[in-house]
N, C-alpha and C. Protein backbone atom coordinates (compact mmCIF):
# COMPACT_ATOMS: atom_id res chain seq x y z
N MET A 1 44.39 98.03 61.27
CA MET A 1 43.67 97.04 60.35
C MET A 1 42.48 96.60 61.26
N SER A 2 41.28 96.57 60.77
CA SER A 2 40.06 96.19 61.49
C SER A 2 40.18 94.77 61.83
N LYS A 3 39.39 94.35 62.79
CA LYS A 3 39.49 92.96 63.30
C LYS A 3 38.95 92.05 62.27
N PRO A 4 37.83 92.26 61.53
CA PRO A 4 37.43 91.24 60.40
C PRO A 4 38.57 91.07 59.44
N VAL A 5 39.15 92.14 59.03
CA VAL A 5 40.18 92.09 57.92
C VAL A 5 41.41 91.32 58.54
N MET A 6 41.67 91.52 59.80
CA MET A 6 42.79 90.72 60.50
C MET A 6 42.58 89.27 60.41
N ILE A 7 41.26 88.90 60.80
CA ILE A 7 40.94 87.49 60.89
C ILE A 7 40.96 86.85 59.50
N LEU A 8 40.42 87.53 58.45
CA LEU A 8 40.51 87.04 57.11
C LEU A 8 41.89 86.90 56.70
N ALA A 9 42.70 87.72 56.90
CA ALA A 9 44.20 87.64 56.47
C ALA A 9 44.79 86.58 57.13
N ALA A 10 44.51 86.45 58.52
CA ALA A 10 45.08 85.28 59.26
C ALA A 10 44.67 83.99 58.82
N THR A 11 43.40 83.83 58.51
CA THR A 11 42.87 82.52 58.09
C THR A 11 43.51 82.28 56.73
N ALA A 12 43.61 83.36 55.79
CA ALA A 12 44.26 82.95 54.49
C ALA A 12 45.61 82.39 54.66
N LEU A 13 46.43 83.01 55.62
CA LEU A 13 47.87 82.42 55.89
C LEU A 13 47.64 81.17 56.45
N LEU A 14 46.80 80.85 57.32
CA LEU A 14 46.59 79.41 57.89
C LEU A 14 46.25 78.38 56.86
N LEU A 15 45.48 78.66 56.01
CA LEU A 15 45.06 77.75 55.02
C LEU A 15 45.69 77.67 53.60
N SER A 16 46.67 78.60 53.51
CA SER A 16 47.29 78.76 52.15
C SER A 16 47.93 77.44 51.50
N ALA A 17 48.30 76.53 52.32
CA ALA A 17 49.07 75.41 52.00
C ALA A 17 48.22 74.30 51.51
N ALA A 18 46.82 74.37 51.85
CA ALA A 18 45.96 73.26 51.61
C ALA A 18 45.22 73.33 50.27
N PRO A 19 44.72 72.31 49.52
CA PRO A 19 43.95 72.47 48.43
C PRO A 19 42.82 73.33 48.76
N LEU A 20 42.42 73.99 47.72
CA LEU A 20 41.24 75.05 47.76
C LEU A 20 40.04 74.57 48.42
N SER A 21 39.51 73.45 48.03
CA SER A 21 38.19 73.01 48.73
C SER A 21 38.49 72.81 50.17
N ALA A 22 39.46 72.16 50.50
CA ALA A 22 39.82 71.82 51.89
C ALA A 22 39.99 73.13 52.77
N GLN A 23 40.59 74.17 52.00
CA GLN A 23 40.69 75.41 52.72
C GLN A 23 39.33 76.01 52.91
N ASP A 24 38.52 75.99 52.11
CA ASP A 24 37.20 76.77 52.08
C ASP A 24 36.46 75.90 53.37
N ASN A 25 36.58 74.56 53.35
CA ASN A 25 35.86 73.81 54.35
C ASN A 25 36.25 74.21 55.83
N VAL A 26 37.53 74.14 56.00
CA VAL A 26 38.11 74.57 57.18
C VAL A 26 37.93 76.00 57.63
N ARG A 27 37.87 76.83 56.76
CA ARG A 27 37.69 78.41 56.96
C ARG A 27 36.21 78.46 57.42
N GLU A 28 35.31 77.97 56.79
CA GLU A 28 33.91 78.02 57.18
C GLU A 28 33.66 77.26 58.40
N ALA A 29 34.19 75.93 58.64
CA ALA A 29 33.77 75.17 59.81
C ALA A 29 34.54 75.61 61.02
N CYS A 30 35.76 76.15 60.93
CA CYS A 30 36.59 76.37 62.03
C CYS A 30 36.76 77.79 62.53
N MET A 31 36.25 78.69 61.83
CA MET A 31 36.38 80.13 62.16
C MET A 31 35.95 80.42 63.63
N PRO A 32 34.74 79.96 63.89
CA PRO A 32 34.35 80.26 65.24
C PRO A 32 35.11 79.64 66.42
N ASP A 33 35.69 78.58 66.08
CA ASP A 33 36.59 77.83 66.97
C ASP A 33 38.02 78.62 67.02
N ILE A 34 38.49 78.85 65.94
CA ILE A 34 39.84 79.73 65.92
C ILE A 34 39.54 80.98 66.73
N ARG A 35 38.54 81.60 66.52
CA ARG A 35 38.32 82.95 67.40
C ARG A 35 38.24 82.51 68.71
N GLN A 36 37.51 81.49 69.04
CA GLN A 36 37.30 81.28 70.60
C GLN A 36 38.59 80.83 71.20
N PHE A 37 39.35 79.83 70.38
CA PHE A 37 40.56 79.22 71.16
C PHE A 37 41.91 79.89 70.61
N CYS A 38 42.00 80.64 69.56
CA CYS A 38 43.18 81.16 69.14
C CYS A 38 43.24 82.58 68.73
N SER A 39 42.45 83.33 69.48
CA SER A 39 42.39 84.77 69.14
C SER A 39 43.73 85.58 69.05
N ALA A 40 44.47 85.23 70.22
CA ALA A 40 45.91 85.80 70.17
C ALA A 40 46.78 85.47 69.00
N GLU A 41 46.69 84.23 68.49
CA GLU A 41 47.36 83.63 67.50
C GLU A 41 46.91 84.43 66.14
N LEU A 42 45.73 84.61 66.09
CA LEU A 42 45.18 85.36 64.78
C LEU A 42 45.88 86.64 64.63
N GLY A 43 46.06 87.38 65.76
CA GLY A 43 46.61 88.72 65.70
C GLY A 43 48.10 88.76 65.39
N THR A 44 48.70 87.54 65.32
CA THR A 44 50.18 87.52 64.98
C THR A 44 50.35 87.22 63.54
N PHE A 45 49.26 87.00 62.64
CA PHE A 45 49.34 86.79 61.31
C PHE A 45 50.32 85.61 61.00
N SER A 46 50.50 84.83 61.93
CA SER A 46 51.42 83.59 61.68
C SER A 46 50.65 82.27 61.37
N ARG A 47 50.75 81.96 60.24
CA ARG A 47 49.77 80.69 59.85
C ARG A 47 50.23 79.51 60.75
N GLU A 48 51.61 79.34 61.07
CA GLU A 48 52.01 78.26 61.90
C GLU A 48 51.56 78.42 63.32
N LYS A 49 51.56 79.60 63.86
CA LYS A 49 50.99 79.70 65.24
C LYS A 49 49.44 79.46 65.28
N VAL A 50 48.78 80.00 64.35
CA VAL A 50 47.25 79.73 64.25
C VAL A 50 47.08 78.14 64.12
N ARG A 51 47.61 77.56 63.15
CA ARG A 51 47.60 76.07 62.96
C ARG A 51 47.96 75.33 64.06
N ALA A 52 49.07 75.56 64.75
CA ALA A 52 49.51 75.00 65.92
C ALA A 52 48.39 75.14 67.06
N CYS A 53 47.88 76.31 67.27
CA CYS A 53 46.89 76.56 68.29
C CYS A 53 45.55 75.61 67.93
N LEU A 54 45.18 75.59 66.64
CA LEU A 54 43.97 74.75 66.33
C LEU A 54 44.21 73.32 66.49
N ILE A 55 45.40 72.83 66.32
CA ILE A 55 45.69 71.42 66.51
C ILE A 55 45.71 71.15 67.96
N LYS A 56 46.32 71.98 68.64
CA LYS A 56 46.51 71.89 70.22
C LYS A 56 45.01 71.80 70.80
N ASN A 57 44.02 72.48 70.15
CA ASN A 57 42.72 72.57 70.77
C ASN A 57 41.68 71.81 70.00
N ILE A 58 42.17 70.99 69.18
CA ILE A 58 41.22 70.23 68.15
C ILE A 58 40.10 69.48 68.78
N ARG A 59 40.52 68.89 69.92
CA ARG A 59 39.46 68.17 70.76
C ARG A 59 38.34 68.98 71.39
N GLU A 60 38.56 70.26 71.45
CA GLU A 60 37.65 71.16 72.02
C GLU A 60 36.72 71.89 70.98
N THR A 61 37.24 71.63 69.61
CA THR A 61 36.50 72.33 68.60
C THR A 61 35.15 71.51 68.28
N SER A 62 34.41 72.22 67.40
CA SER A 62 33.12 71.63 67.08
C SER A 62 33.30 70.43 66.24
N PRO A 63 32.50 69.56 66.02
CA PRO A 63 32.57 68.38 65.12
C PRO A 63 32.71 68.65 63.74
N ALA A 64 31.99 69.79 63.33
CA ALA A 64 32.32 70.14 61.84
C ALA A 64 33.75 70.73 61.66
N CYS A 65 34.38 71.33 62.65
CA CYS A 65 35.70 71.85 62.41
C CYS A 65 36.64 70.69 62.42
N GLN A 66 36.45 69.52 63.44
CA GLN A 66 37.28 68.34 63.44
C GLN A 66 37.19 67.70 62.12
N ALA A 67 36.01 67.65 61.47
CA ALA A 67 35.86 66.73 60.19
C ALA A 67 36.50 67.69 59.11
N ALA A 68 36.45 68.91 59.03
CA ALA A 68 37.19 69.66 57.98
C ALA A 68 38.62 69.68 58.19
N ALA A 69 39.18 69.64 59.40
CA ALA A 69 40.56 69.62 59.65
C ALA A 69 40.98 68.31 59.18
N LYS A 70 40.34 67.22 59.46
CA LYS A 70 40.81 65.90 59.20
C LYS A 70 40.77 65.86 57.58
N ALA A 71 39.75 66.26 56.97
CA ALA A 71 39.72 66.24 55.45
C ALA A 71 40.87 67.13 54.79
N GLN A 72 41.19 68.19 55.54
CA GLN A 72 42.29 68.99 55.03
C GLN A 72 43.67 68.21 55.23
N ARG A 73 43.81 67.64 56.34
CA ARG A 73 45.01 66.80 56.56
C ARG A 73 45.09 65.88 55.56
N ASP A 74 43.94 65.02 55.37
CA ASP A 74 44.01 63.91 54.34
C ASP A 74 44.30 64.49 52.81
N ALA A 75 43.80 65.59 52.51
CA ALA A 75 44.12 66.15 51.24
C ALA A 75 45.55 66.65 51.13
N GLU A 76 46.17 67.17 52.12
CA GLU A 76 47.59 67.47 52.20
C GLU A 76 48.49 66.18 52.07
N ARG A 77 48.08 65.09 52.72
CA ARG A 77 48.79 63.99 52.63
C ARG A 77 48.75 63.38 51.18
N SER A 78 47.60 63.34 50.70
CA SER A 78 47.31 62.77 49.39
C SER A 78 48.22 63.61 48.29
N LYS A 79 48.22 64.87 48.46
CA LYS A 79 49.04 65.78 47.60
C LYS A 79 50.50 65.44 47.65
N LYS A 80 51.04 65.23 48.98
CA LYS A 80 52.41 64.90 49.15
C LYS A 80 52.76 63.60 48.51
N ARG A 81 51.88 62.55 48.58
CA ARG A 81 52.19 61.40 47.89
C ARG A 81 52.11 61.42 46.37
N GLU A 82 51.59 62.44 45.82
CA GLU A 82 51.41 62.61 44.40
C GLU A 82 52.64 63.19 43.98
N SER A 83 53.38 63.88 44.75
CA SER A 83 54.62 64.60 44.40
C SER A 83 55.82 63.81 44.32
């Protein structure tokens, strides 16, 4: 599998639990940071590992990634409250 396809597949796994707009925002904002800080985890295709890595390194990520991750977290919390 080519590296771009692997990255897209891993990103889809990472973001599959979030509302669609939050997923798109995190994918766009955080992919450079995920590639930089979590490249080994991307190769595992484990959403949990990539997400844990991103959370572990969130203070090192770009402001845009941090904002998108916060928005995703807030959307997930809101969705859980509605359930």
